[in-house]
């Protein structure tokens, strides 16, 4: 018990007579409980925020990189409303399966809860079951890394140097550079893995804030898709760099850096500086959005404001005269019969899509 807590109890008990000892002791217990509660409450808001941050961090990557996949979609955006009820249902079910299987593994084999599926598989005696279990996890890891990580990194590399890097080269470059992150260290323990998730969410929050403000507020959902791929056009900003976004990004991650340093090396104490890091994604997206919006209003890039959006389909159709179901290079009429048959096969599906589109 700390000295201050003992002093509090002495103040309450000392002036009491024998007849009031019970009352004084009760008051001392109440005071002691209040002191303990206040000490716990000091960090309570931050401790509550950590699980929320971990949940958001898992989707922070997809929230930034989803355009790498959605831009290839030719279905109306109204269909995306189906994600609202379906995603929570699927992810809740998957999370429940993980908890249920881990708990069942502890009940079956004893010891600590096997949160790592590989640990659970190691308890199986059947070699075939262990093989197919390990194979399924390896296949899932390969699929997730190709779809969620490799393609996204390849799109980023392509945007940096489109003349030299395509999607395939970007994926190969990602496979080589990923070893620099020493992934075996990240997966060494649950603590290091969760710390890694929180750490990169600190950087992805500001990026998401810049994207949201630029698209919805500043540009009003109006981009010139052709100019985005031209080196020196309306989106060149200052020597090809939007310094407003860079400044807002640095300011957005700044408050979380002391906590990030402390999380990497626990021997470095930063005091209350750990708290901004504990809700770094929320702080980053809000702070960066405000700073980027302010800088863009004070120093507007007027050349990027256009009256009408230029969509990719509009450019593609204008260049190739594409009609849905007809290949872009099929202009000589040699494949008209095949195209007509394909259109007949697609007619029923088109009617279904149009009916669902009108309903949504």
Protein backbone atom coordinates (compact mmCIF):
# COMPACT_ATOMS: atom_id res chain seq x y z
CA UNK A 1 0.00 0.00 0.00
CA UNK A 2 1.34 3.43 -0.96
CA UNK A 3 2.24 6.07 1.64
CA UNK A 4 -0.46 8.44 0.44
CA UNK A 5 -3.09 5.75 0.93
CA UNK A 6 -1.85 5.06 4.48
CA UNK A 7 -1.97 8.78 5.26
CA UNK A 8 -5.55 8.92 4.06
CA UNK A 9 -6.54 6.04 6.36
CA UNK A 10 -4.71 7.59 9.35
CA UNK A 11 -6.51 10.89 8.87
CA UNK A 12 -9.85 9.12 8.91
CA UNK A 13 -9.15 6.75 11.81
CA UNK A 14 -6.96 8.79 14.20
CA UNK A 15 -9.52 11.34 15.50
CA UNK A 16 -12.18 8.70 16.17
CA UNK A 17 -13.19 7.45 19.59
CA UNK A 18 -13.73 3.79 20.40
CA UNK A 19 -17.47 4.07 19.90
CA UNK A 20 -16.98 5.33 16.34
CA UNK A 21 -14.31 2.84 15.24
CA UNK A 22 -16.68 0.88 13.02
CA UNK A 23 -17.85 4.03 11.28
CA UNK A 24 -14.28 5.24 10.85
CA UNK A 25 -13.11 1.92 9.49
CA UNK A 26 -16.00 1.89 7.03
CA UNK A 27 -15.10 5.40 5.91
CA UNK A 28 -11.47 4.36 5.52
CA UNK A 29 -12.45 1.41 3.36
CA UNK A 30 -14.59 3.66 1.20
CA UNK A 31 -11.71 6.13 0.85
CA UNK A 32 -9.28 3.33 0.00
CA UNK A 33 -11.67 1.98 -2.63
CA UNK A 34 -12.09 5.45 -4.11
CA UNK A 35 -8.32 5.86 -4.43
CA UNK A 36 -7.94 2.48 -6.16
CA UNK A 37 -10.84 3.27 -8.49
CA UNK A 38 -9.35 6.62 -9.45
CA UNK A 39 -6.03 4.98 -10.27
CA UNK A 40 -7.78 2.43 -12.44
CA UNK A 41 -9.92 5.09 -14.09
CA UNK A 42 -6.85 7.09 -15.12
CA UNK A 43 -6.09 4.64 -17.94
CA UNK A 44 -9.60 3.25 -18.42
CA UNK A 45 -10.56 5.33 -21.49
CA UNK A 46 -7.34 4.37 -23.27
CA UNK A 47 -7.65 0.71 -22.33
CA UNK A 48 -11.18 0.67 -23.74
CA UNK A 49 -9.99 2.26 -27.00
CA UNK A 50 -7.30 -0.34 -27.66
CA UNK A 51 -9.72 -3.16 -28.68
CA UNK A 52 -11.54 -0.74 -30.98
CA UNK A 53 -8.25 0.28 -32.56
CA UNK A 54 -7.26 -3.36 -33.09
CA UNK A 55 -10.58 -4.01 -34.81
CA UNK A 56 -10.24 -0.97 -37.04
CA UNK A 57 -6.58 -1.71 -37.79
CA UNK A 58 -7.50 -5.05 -39.31
CA UNK A 59 -9.57 -3.27 -41.95
CA UNK A 60 -7.45 -0.14 -42.27
CA UNK A 61 -5.45 -1.67 -45.10
CA UNK A 62 -8.54 -2.72 -47.06
CA UNK A 63 -10.18 0.67 -46.56
CA UNK A 64 -7.23 2.32 -48.29
CA UNK A 65 -6.60 -0.33 -50.97
CA UNK A 66 -10.15 -1.33 -51.90
CA UNK A 67 -10.00 0.87 -55.01
CA UNK A 68 -7.37 -1.52 -56.39
CA UNK A 69 -10.22 -4.00 -56.89
CA UNK A 70 -13.38 -1.90 -57.07
CA UNK A 71 -12.14 0.03 -60.10
CA UNK A 72 -12.46 -3.13 -62.18
CA UNK A 73 -16.10 -3.58 -61.20
CA UNK A 74 -18.67 -2.93 -63.94
CA UNK A 75 -21.73 -3.35 -61.70
CA UNK A 76 -23.63 -0.39 -60.26
CA UNK A 77 -22.33 0.97 -56.98
CA UNK A 78 -25.78 0.42 -55.51
CA UNK A 79 -24.88 -3.22 -55.10
CA UNK A 80 -22.34 -2.23 -52.47
CA UNK A 81 -25.21 -1.69 -50.04
CA UNK A 82 -25.33 -5.47 -49.71
CA UNK A 83 -22.00 -5.29 -47.86
CA UNK A 84 -23.64 -3.44 -44.97
CA UNK A 85 -25.61 -6.43 -43.61
CA UNK A 86 -23.47 -9.23 -45.02
CA UNK A 87 -19.95 -8.31 -43.91
CA UNK A 88 -20.76 -8.10 -40.16
CA UNK A 89 -22.59 -11.44 -40.37
CA UNK A 90 -19.74 -13.27 -42.10
CA UNK A 91 -16.95 -11.81 -39.97
CA UNK A 92 -18.86 -12.38 -36.73
CA UNK A 93 -19.40 -16.02 -37.72
CA UNK A 94 -15.71 -16.48 -38.59
CA UNK A 95 -14.64 -14.89 -35.30
CA UNK A 96 -17.06 -17.16 -33.40
CA UNK A 97 -15.61 -20.23 -35.11
CA UNK A 98 -12.11 -19.20 -34.06
CA UNK A 99 -13.12 -18.70 -30.43
CA UNK A 100 -15.19 -21.90 -30.33
CA UNK A 101 -12.47 -24.07 -31.88
CA UNK A 102 -9.77 -22.66 -29.58
CA UNK A 103 -11.93 -23.22 -26.50
CA UNK A 104 -12.76 -26.74 -27.63
CA UNK A 105 -9.06 -27.40 -28.15
CA UNK A 106 -8.28 -26.39 -24.57
CA UNK A 107 -11.11 -28.58 -23.26
CA UNK A 108 -9.87 -31.53 -25.33
CA UNK A 109 -6.10 -31.30 -24.90
CA UNK A 110 -5.73 -29.12 -21.78
CA UNK A 111 -3.07 -26.50 -21.14
CA UNK A 112 -3.29 -22.99 -22.51
CA UNK A 113 -5.87 -21.96 -25.07
CA UNK A 114 -4.44 -22.81 -28.54
CA UNK A 115 -5.19 -19.51 -30.28
CA UNK A 116 -2.65 -20.40 -32.97
CA UNK A 117 -4.25 -22.95 -35.35
CA UNK A 118 -0.84 -24.55 -35.94
CA UNK A 119 -0.59 -25.33 -32.22
CA UNK A 120 -4.03 -26.94 -32.32
CA UNK A 121 -3.10 -29.04 -35.34
CA UNK A 122 0.06 -30.24 -33.61
CA UNK A 123 -2.12 -32.09 -31.06
CA UNK A 124 -3.68 -34.28 -33.74
CA UNK A 125 -2.41 -37.86 -33.99
CA UNK A 126 -3.62 -38.50 -37.54
CA UNK A 127 -0.92 -37.53 -40.04
CA UNK A 128 -3.39 -37.11 -42.90
CA UNK A 129 -5.53 -34.73 -40.83
CA UNK A 130 -2.46 -32.68 -39.94
CA UNK A 131 -1.40 -32.55 -43.59
CA UNK A 132 -4.76 -31.36 -44.90
CA UNK A 133 -5.11 -28.89 -42.02
CA UNK A 134 -1.67 -27.40 -42.68
CA UNK A 135 -2.32 -27.41 -46.43
CA UNK A 136 -5.58 -25.49 -46.01
CA UNK A 137 -3.87 -22.85 -43.86
CA UNK A 138 -1.02 -22.54 -46.36
CA UNK A 139 -3.50 -22.16 -49.23
CA UNK A 140 -5.47 -19.55 -47.27
CA UNK A 141 -2.29 -17.60 -46.49
CA UNK A 142 -1.27 -17.70 -50.15
CA UNK A 143 -4.69 -16.49 -51.31
CA UNK A 144 -4.88 -13.70 -48.75
CA UNK A 145 -1.38 -12.45 -49.50
CA UNK A 146 -1.98 -12.45 -53.27
CA UNK A 147 -5.35 -10.71 -53.10
CA UNK A 148 -5.00 -8.37 -50.11
CA UNK A 149 -1.26 -7.68 -50.02
CA UNK A 150 0.53 -8.51 -53.25
CA UNK A 151 -1.92 -6.86 -55.66
CA UNK A 152 -2.23 -3.74 -53.51
CA UNK A 153 1.54 -3.35 -53.27
CA UNK A 154 1.86 -3.93 -57.01
CA UNK A 155 -0.65 -1.15 -57.73
CA UNK A 156 1.32 1.21 -55.49
CA UNK A 157 4.61 0.37 -57.20
CA UNK A 158 2.96 0.79 -60.59
CA UNK A 159 1.72 4.24 -59.61
CA UNK A 160 5.24 5.24 -58.55
CA UNK A 161 6.92 4.19 -61.81
CA UNK A 162 4.33 3.13 -64.41
CA UNK A 163 6.86 3.26 -67.23
CA UNK A 164 9.02 0.57 -65.66
CA UNK A 165 6.75 -1.41 -63.30
CA UNK A 166 3.57 -3.27 -64.19
CA UNK A 167 1.34 -5.38 -61.96
CA UNK A 168 3.39 -8.54 -62.37
CA UNK A 169 6.72 -6.82 -61.71
CA UNK A 170 5.19 -5.04 -58.74
CA UNK A 171 4.11 -8.35 -57.23
CA UNK A 172 7.59 -9.80 -57.68
CA UNK A 173 9.10 -6.69 -56.11
CA UNK A 174 6.71 -7.03 -53.17
CA UNK A 175 7.73 -10.67 -52.69
CA UNK A 176 11.40 -9.66 -52.53
CA UNK A 177 11.01 -6.59 -50.32
CA UNK A 178 8.64 -8.30 -47.88
CA UNK A 179 11.61 -10.10 -46.33
CA UNK A 180 12.88 -6.75 -45.05
CA UNK A 181 9.93 -6.66 -42.63
CA UNK A 182 11.19 -9.89 -40.97
CA UNK A 183 7.67 -11.39 -40.78
CA UNK A 184 8.82 -14.21 -38.49
CA UNK A 185 9.48 -11.57 -35.84
CA UNK A 186 6.01 -10.11 -36.29
CA UNK A 187 4.38 -13.52 -35.79
CA UNK A 188 6.70 -14.50 -32.96
CA UNK A 189 4.01 -13.83 -30.34
CA UNK A 190 0.48 -12.49 -30.08
CA UNK A 191 1.80 -9.29 -28.46
CA UNK A 192 4.22 -8.53 -31.29
CA UNK A 193 1.54 -9.23 -33.89
CA UNK A 194 -1.00 -6.92 -32.23
CA UNK A 195 1.67 -4.26 -31.80
CA UNK A 196 2.44 -4.47 -35.53
CA UNK A 197 -1.26 -4.08 -36.41
CA UNK A 198 -1.60 -0.97 -34.23
CA UNK A 199 1.67 0.44 -35.61
CA UNK A 200 0.71 0.39 -39.28
CA UNK A 201 -2.80 1.63 -38.49
CA UNK A 202 -1.14 4.80 -37.20
CA UNK A 203 0.12 5.48 -40.73
CA UNK A 204 -2.96 4.29 -42.62
CA UNK A 205 -5.38 6.52 -40.71
CA UNK A 206 -3.87 9.77 -42.08
CA UNK A 207 -3.79 8.32 -45.60
CA UNK A 208 -7.48 7.44 -45.40
CA UNK A 209 -8.28 10.93 -44.09
CA UNK A 210 -6.51 12.59 -47.02
CA UNK A 211 -8.30 10.37 -49.53
CA UNK A 212 -11.73 10.99 -48.00
CA UNK A 213 -11.35 14.76 -47.77
CA UNK A 214 -9.88 15.08 -51.26
CA UNK A 215 -12.58 12.99 -52.93
CA UNK A 216 -15.73 13.97 -51.04
CA UNK A 217 -15.04 17.55 -49.92
CA UNK A 218 -12.44 19.23 -52.11
CA UNK A 219 -13.02 17.59 -55.48
CA UNK A 220 -16.71 16.89 -54.95
CA UNK A 221 -16.31 13.36 -56.43
CA UNK A 222 -15.03 14.87 -59.69
CA UNK A 223 -11.77 13.50 -61.06
CA UNK A 224 -10.37 13.47 -64.57
CA UNK A 225 -9.41 9.80 -64.84
CA UNK A 226 -7.35 10.34 -67.98
CA UNK A 227 -5.35 13.18 -66.44
CA UNK A 228 -4.51 11.00 -63.43
CA UNK A 229 -2.31 8.89 -65.71
CA UNK A 230 -0.65 11.77 -67.56
CA UNK A 231 2.67 12.91 -66.05
CA UNK A 232 2.27 16.69 -66.37
CA UNK A 233 -1.39 17.59 -66.24
CA UNK A 234 -3.76 19.26 -63.82
CA UNK A 235 -2.72 16.88 -61.02
CA UNK A 236 0.99 17.62 -61.11
CA UNK A 237 0.70 20.01 -58.11
CA UNK A 238 4.23 21.16 -57.17
CA UNK A 239 6.81 19.20 -59.18
CA UNK A 240 4.53 16.17 -59.05
CA UNK A 241 4.03 16.29 -55.27
CA UNK A 242 0.98 17.48 -53.37
CA UNK A 243 2.83 19.16 -50.50
CA UNK A 244 -0.45 19.80 -48.64
CA UNK A 245 -1.03 16.07 -48.31
CA UNK A 246 2.57 15.44 -47.24
CA UNK A 247 2.41 18.16 -44.56
CA UNK A 248 -0.96 16.92 -43.28
CA UNK A 249 0.35 13.33 -43.16
CA UNK A 250 3.42 14.27 -41.11
CA UNK A 251 1.33 16.32 -38.69
CA UNK A 252 -1.19 13.49 -38.40
CA UNK A 253 1.32 10.81 -37.40
CA UNK A 254 3.48 13.12 -35.23
CA UNK A 255 1.57 12.73 -31.92
CA UNK A 256 1.68 8.93 -32.19
CA UNK A 257 5.42 8.58 -32.82
CA UNK A 258 6.53 8.66 -29.13
CA UNK A 259 4.14 5.82 -28.33
CA UNK A 260 5.35 3.92 -31.39
CA UNK A 261 8.95 4.22 -30.19
CA UNK A 262 7.95 2.98 -26.73
CA UNK A 263 6.06 0.03 -28.18
CA UNK A 264 9.10 -1.03 -30.21
CA UNK A 265 11.44 -0.63 -27.22
CA UNK A 266 9.57 -0.89 -23.87
CA UNK A 267 12.69 0.30 -22.05
CA UNK A 268 12.03 3.80 -23.44
CA UNK A 269 9.41 5.48 -21.27
CA UNK A 270 7.40 8.30 -22.85
CA UNK A 271 4.91 8.85 -20.03
CA UNK A 272 1.56 10.17 -21.20
CA UNK A 273 2.96 10.24 -24.73
CA UNK A 274 1.81 6.63 -25.06
CA UNK A 275 -1.86 7.66 -25.09
CA UNK A 276 -2.05 9.23 -28.60
CA UNK A 277 -0.54 6.02 -29.94
CA UNK A 278 -3.27 3.96 -28.27
CA UNK A 279 -5.92 5.57 -30.47
CA UNK A 280 -3.55 6.56 -33.28
CA UNK A 281 -5.87 5.63 -36.17
CA UNK A 282 -8.72 7.81 -34.91
CA UNK A 283 -6.38 10.67 -34.05
CA UNK A 284 -4.58 10.37 -37.37
CA UNK A 285 -7.63 10.34 -39.61
CA UNK A 286 -9.32 13.26 -37.80
CA UNK A 287 -6.19 15.40 -37.36
CA UNK A 288 -4.92 14.83 -40.87
CA UNK A 289 -8.34 15.54 -42.40
CA UNK A 290 -8.60 18.86 -40.58
CA UNK A 291 -5.06 19.94 -41.48
CA UNK A 292 -5.36 18.87 -45.12
CA UNK A 293 -8.72 20.63 -45.49
CA UNK A 294 -7.34 23.81 -43.95
CA UNK A 295 -4.21 23.83 -46.13
CA UNK A 296 -6.27 23.15 -49.24
CA UNK A 297 -8.57 26.08 -48.53
CA UNK A 298 -5.72 28.44 -47.68
CA UNK A 299 -3.53 27.31 -50.60
CA UNK A 300 -6.04 25.87 -53.10
CA UNK A 301 -4.90 23.88 -56.11
CA UNK A 302 -7.45 25.51 -58.41
CA UNK A 303 -6.28 23.68 -61.51
CA UNK A 304 -7.55 20.38 -60.04
CA UNK A 305 -11.14 21.61 -59.67
CA UNK A 306 -13.17 20.51 -62.69
CA UNK A 307 -16.84 21.00 -63.52
CA UNK A 308 -17.57 17.44 -64.60
CA UNK A 309 -16.05 14.09 -63.73
CA UNK A 310 -14.31 12.18 -66.52
CA UNK A 311 -14.92 8.49 -65.82
CA UNK A 312 -12.75 5.59 -67.03
CA UNK A 313 -15.62 3.90 -68.89
CA UNK A 314 -16.31 7.13 -70.75
CA UNK A 315 -12.71 7.32 -71.98
CA UNK A 316 -12.59 3.63 -72.86
CA UNK A 317 -15.86 3.67 -74.78
CA UNK A 318 -14.87 6.82 -76.66
CA UNK A 319 -11.59 5.28 -77.82
CA UNK A 320 -12.80 1.80 -78.76
CA UNK A 321 -16.54 2.18 -79.26
CA UNK A 322 -17.17 -0.64 -76.82
CA UNK A 323 -20.60 -2.15 -76.53
CA UNK A 324 -21.14 -4.50 -73.63
CA UNK A 325 -20.40 -8.04 -74.78
CA UNK A 326 -18.22 -6.99 -77.76
CA UNK A 327 -14.44 -7.19 -77.59
CA UNK A 328 -12.57 -3.84 -78.09
CA UNK A 329 -10.53 -5.15 -81.01
CA UNK A 330 -13.46 -6.72 -82.84
CA UNK A 331 -14.37 -4.05 -85.40
CA UNK A 332 -14.31 -6.04 -88.64
CA UNK A 333 -17.46 -8.05 -87.95
CA UNK A 334 -15.66 -11.41 -88.19
CA UNK A 335 -16.95 -12.54 -84.81
CA UNK A 336 -20.50 -11.20 -85.09
CA UNK A 337 -22.08 -14.64 -84.80
CA UNK A 338 -20.11 -15.50 -81.66
CA UNK A 339 -20.87 -12.12 -80.17
CA UNK A 340 -24.59 -12.51 -80.93
CA UNK A 341 -24.67 -15.90 -79.23
CA UNK A 342 -22.84 -14.50 -76.23
CA UNK A 343 -25.30 -11.61 -76.00
CA UNK A 344 -28.22 -14.06 -76.04
CA UNK A 345 -26.65 -16.04 -73.21
CA UNK A 346 -26.11 -12.86 -71.20
CA UNK A 347 -29.56 -11.46 -71.80
CA UNK A 348 -31.19 -13.30 -68.88
CA UNK A 349 -28.43 -12.28 -66.51
CA UNK A 350 -28.66 -8.66 -67.68
CA UNK A 351 -32.37 -8.59 -66.94
CA UNK A 352 -31.72 -9.92 -63.47
CA UNK A 353 -29.00 -7.32 -62.85
CA UNK A 354 -31.20 -4.47 -64.11
CA UNK A 355 -34.12 -5.58 -61.90
CA UNK A 356 -31.89 -5.77 -58.83
CA UNK A 357 -30.33 -2.43 -59.74
CA UNK A 358 -33.77 -0.78 -59.87
CA UNK A 359 -34.73 -2.42 -56.56
CA UNK A 360 -31.60 -1.13 -54.86
